[in-house]
């Protein structure tokens, strides 16, 4: 005689003919690829909300979420000019290239 009861693993395997496992597998692959690209951590969450419907049956609508790590952009270094604008050049530091050119011009 066949057993009708499902354990947790059987529930996951048989839910919508394997659709839940395929979804989880897809999310796992996406998170692992993002981890490989970024070196940061990610996660996959499976929620199995169970509720009793009006007919007394148990309904389950799984929720699968994935947090893929994002690549950080890193810091950019800028200086603030006297007129409150961003600049890549430090306004408090002289330009050494101009100094070298003026010495060359003077030597000629």
C-alpha atoms as a PDB file:
ATOM      1  CA  UNK A   1       0.000   0.000   0.000  1.00  0.00           C
ATOM      2  CA  UNK A   2       1.353   3.414  -0.973  1.00  0.00           C
ATOM      3  CA  UNK A   3       2.149   5.977   1.666  1.00  0.00           C
ATOM      4  CA  UNK A   4       0.158   9.234   1.243  1.00  0.00           C
ATOM      5  CA  UNK A   5       1.963  11.431   3.758  1.00  0.00           C
ATOM      6  CA  UNK A   6       4.762  13.743   2.553  1.00  0.00           C
ATOM      7  CA  UNK A   7       7.825  14.650   4.549  1.00  0.00           C
ATOM      8  CA  UNK A   8       9.528  18.026   4.053  1.00  0.00           C
ATOM      9  CA  UNK A   9      11.883  16.880   1.299  1.00  0.00           C
ATOM     10  CA  UNK A  10       9.072  15.153  -0.568  1.00  0.00           C
ATOM     11  CA  UNK A  11       6.979  18.323  -0.344  1.00  0.00           C
ATOM     12  CA  UNK A  12       9.799  20.325  -1.968  1.00  0.00           C
ATOM     13  CA  UNK A  13      10.421  17.694  -4.644  1.00  0.00           C
ATOM     14  CA  UNK A  14       6.783  17.248  -5.638  1.00  0.00           C
ATOM     15  CA  UNK A  15       5.507  20.828  -5.345  1.00  0.00           C
ATOM     16  CA  UNK A  16       3.988  21.714  -8.735  1.00  0.00           C
ATOM     17  CA  UNK A  17       5.862  18.798 -10.339  1.00  0.00           C
ATOM     18  CA  UNK A  18       9.302  20.099  -9.378  1.00  0.00           C
ATOM     19  CA  UNK A  19       8.680  23.763 -10.224  1.00  0.00           C
ATOM     20  CA  UNK A  20       9.751  24.915  -6.756  1.00  0.00           C
ATOM     21  CA  UNK A  21      13.069  23.042  -6.973  1.00  0.00           C
ATOM     22  CA  UNK A  22      13.741  24.445 -10.459  1.00  0.00           C
ATOM     23  CA  UNK A  23      13.069  27.963  -9.164  1.00  0.00           C
ATOM     24  CA  UNK A  24      15.377  27.435  -6.182  1.00  0.00           C
ATOM     25  CA  UNK A  25      18.073  25.983  -8.451  1.00  0.00           C
ATOM     26  CA  UNK A  26      17.852  29.007 -10.774  1.00  0.00           C
ATOM     27  CA  UNK A  27      18.149  31.450  -7.855  1.00  0.00           C
ATOM     28  CA  UNK A  28      21.092  29.465  -6.439  1.00  0.00           C
ATOM     29  CA  UNK A  29      22.941  29.665  -9.761  1.00  0.00           C
ATOM     30  CA  UNK A  30      22.312  33.433  -9.988  1.00  0.00           C
ATOM     31  CA  UNK A  31      23.569  34.083  -6.457  1.00  0.00           C
ATOM     32  CA  UNK A  32      26.647  31.877  -6.901  1.00  0.00           C
ATOM     33  CA  UNK A  33      27.542  33.658 -10.152  1.00  0.00           C
ATOM     34  CA  UNK A  34      27.198  37.051  -8.451  1.00  0.00           C
ATOM     35  CA  UNK A  35      29.351  35.843  -5.536  1.00  0.00           C
ATOM     36  CA  UNK A  36      32.022  34.712  -7.980  1.00  0.00           C
ATOM     37  CA  UNK A  37      31.957  38.095  -9.743  1.00  0.00           C
ATOM     38  CA  UNK A  38      31.975  40.285  -6.631  1.00  0.00           C
ATOM     39  CA  UNK A  39      33.557  38.217  -3.867  1.00  0.00           C
ATOM     40  CA  UNK A  40      30.710  39.361  -1.581  1.00  0.00           C
ATOM     41  CA  UNK A  41      28.042  37.311   0.199  1.00  0.00           C
ATOM     42  CA  UNK A  42      24.509  36.544  -0.946  1.00  0.00           C
ATOM     43  CA  UNK A  43      21.552  34.524   0.256  1.00  0.00           C
ATOM     44  CA  UNK A  44      18.477  32.610  -0.850  1.00  0.00           C
ATOM     45  CA  UNK A  45      15.335  32.511   1.258  1.00  0.00           C
ATOM     46  CA  UNK A  46      12.464  30.063   0.978  1.00  0.00           C
ATOM     47  CA  UNK A  47       9.239  30.799   2.832  1.00  0.00           C
ATOM     48  CA  UNK A  48       6.482  28.229   2.950  1.00  0.00           C
ATOM     49  CA  UNK A  49       3.387  30.000   4.275  1.00  0.00           C
ATOM     50  CA  UNK A  50       0.712  27.459   5.158  1.00  0.00           C
ATOM     51  CA  UNK A  51      -2.921  28.402   5.617  1.00  0.00           C
ATOM     52  CA  UNK A  52      -6.224  26.624   5.927  1.00  0.00           C
ATOM     53  CA  UNK A  53      -8.679  27.572   3.174  1.00  0.00           C
ATOM     54  CA  UNK A  54     -12.497  27.613   3.425  1.00  0.00           C
ATOM     55  CA  UNK A  55     -12.705  23.949   2.434  1.00  0.00           C
ATOM     56  CA  UNK A  56     -10.384  22.952   5.291  1.00  0.00           C
ATOM     57  CA  UNK A  57      -7.460  22.203   2.964  1.00  0.00           C
ATOM     58  CA  UNK A  58      -3.896  23.401   3.518  1.00  0.00           C
ATOM     59  CA  UNK A  59      -2.708  25.929   0.915  1.00  0.00           C
ATOM     60  CA  UNK A  60       0.942  26.734   0.351  1.00  0.00           C
ATOM     61  CA  UNK A  61       2.215  29.505  -1.930  1.00  0.00           C
ATOM     62  CA  UNK A  62       6.024  29.406  -1.625  1.00  0.00           C
ATOM     63  CA  UNK A  63       8.042  32.614  -1.739  1.00  0.00           C
ATOM     64  CA  UNK A  64      11.577  32.346  -3.097  1.00  0.00           C
ATOM     65  CA  UNK A  65      13.815  35.392  -2.799  1.00  0.00           C
ATOM     66  CA  UNK A  66      17.459  35.866  -3.633  1.00  0.00           C
ATOM     67  CA  UNK A  67      19.847  38.585  -2.487  1.00  0.00           C
ATOM     68  CA  UNK A  68      22.618  38.781  -5.019  1.00  0.00           C
ATOM     69  CA  UNK A  69      25.721  40.625  -3.917  1.00  0.00           C
ATOM     70  CA  UNK A  70      26.458  43.815  -5.783  1.00  0.00           C
ATOM     71  CA  UNK A  71      29.811  45.019  -6.939  1.00  0.00           C
ATOM     72  CA  UNK A  72      30.856  48.064  -4.961  1.00  0.00           C
ATOM     73  CA  UNK A  73      31.910  51.043  -7.039  1.00  0.00           C
ATOM     74  CA  UNK A  74      34.725  52.068  -4.739  1.00  0.00           C
ATOM     75  CA  UNK A  75      35.715  55.548  -3.640  1.00  0.00           C
ATOM     76  CA  UNK A  76      36.431  58.485  -5.885  1.00  0.00           C
ATOM     77  CA  UNK A  77      38.756  61.223  -4.675  1.00  0.00           C
ATOM     78  CA  UNK A  78      37.860  64.830  -5.456  1.00  0.00           C
ATOM     79  CA  UNK A  79      38.708  68.299  -4.238  1.00  0.00           C
ATOM     80  CA  UNK A  80      36.452  71.243  -3.606  1.00  0.00           C
ATOM     81  CA  UNK A  81      37.316  74.380  -5.534  1.00  0.00           C
ATOM     82  CA  UNK A  82      36.902  77.913  -4.182  1.00  0.00           C
ATOM     83  CA  UNK A  83      33.622  78.263  -6.074  1.00  0.00           C
ATOM     84  CA  UNK A  84      32.222  75.056  -4.503  1.00  0.00           C
ATOM     85  CA  UNK A  85      32.765  72.781  -7.517  1.00  0.00           C
ATOM     86  CA  UNK A  86      34.302  69.320  -7.630  1.00  0.00           C
ATOM     87  CA  UNK A  87      37.742  68.980  -9.163  1.00  0.00           C
ATOM     88  CA  UNK A  88      40.206  66.138  -9.728  1.00  0.00           C
ATOM     89  CA  UNK A  89      43.051  68.565  -9.083  1.00  0.00           C
ATOM     90  CA  UNK A  90      43.996  69.799  -5.610  1.00  0.00           C
ATOM     91  CA  UNK A  91      43.636  73.603  -5.726  1.00  0.00           C
ATOM     92  CA  UNK A  92      46.179  73.956  -2.894  1.00  0.00           C
ATOM     93  CA  UNK A  93      48.941  72.158  -4.770  1.00  0.00           C
ATOM     94  CA  UNK A  94      50.940  73.770  -7.537  1.00  0.00           C
ATOM     95  CA  UNK A  95      51.272  72.088 -10.901  1.00  0.00           C
ATOM     96  CA  UNK A  96      54.736  70.499 -11.035  1.00  0.00           C
ATOM     97  CA  UNK A  97      54.580  70.142 -14.820  1.00  0.00           C
ATOM     98  CA  UNK A  98      54.379  73.931 -15.205  1.00  0.00           C
ATOM     99  CA  UNK A  99      57.383  74.247 -12.886  1.00  0.00           C
ATOM    100  CA  UNK A 100      59.440  71.784 -14.968  1.00  0.00           C
ATOM    101  CA  UNK A 101      58.519  73.555 -18.215  1.00  0.00           C
ATOM    102  CA  UNK A 102      59.468  76.954 -16.838  1.00  0.00           C
ATOM    103  CA  UNK A 103      62.891  75.613 -15.762  1.00  0.00           C
ATOM    104  CA  UNK A 104      63.456  74.125 -19.231  1.00  0.00           C
ATOM    105  CA  UNK A 105      62.469  77.383 -20.888  1.00  0.00           C
ATOM    106  CA  UNK A 106      64.848  79.314 -18.621  1.00  0.00           C
ATOM    107  CA  UNK A 107      67.753  76.943 -19.388  1.00  0.00           C
ATOM    108  CA  UNK A 108      67.425  77.365 -23.158  1.00  0.00           C
END
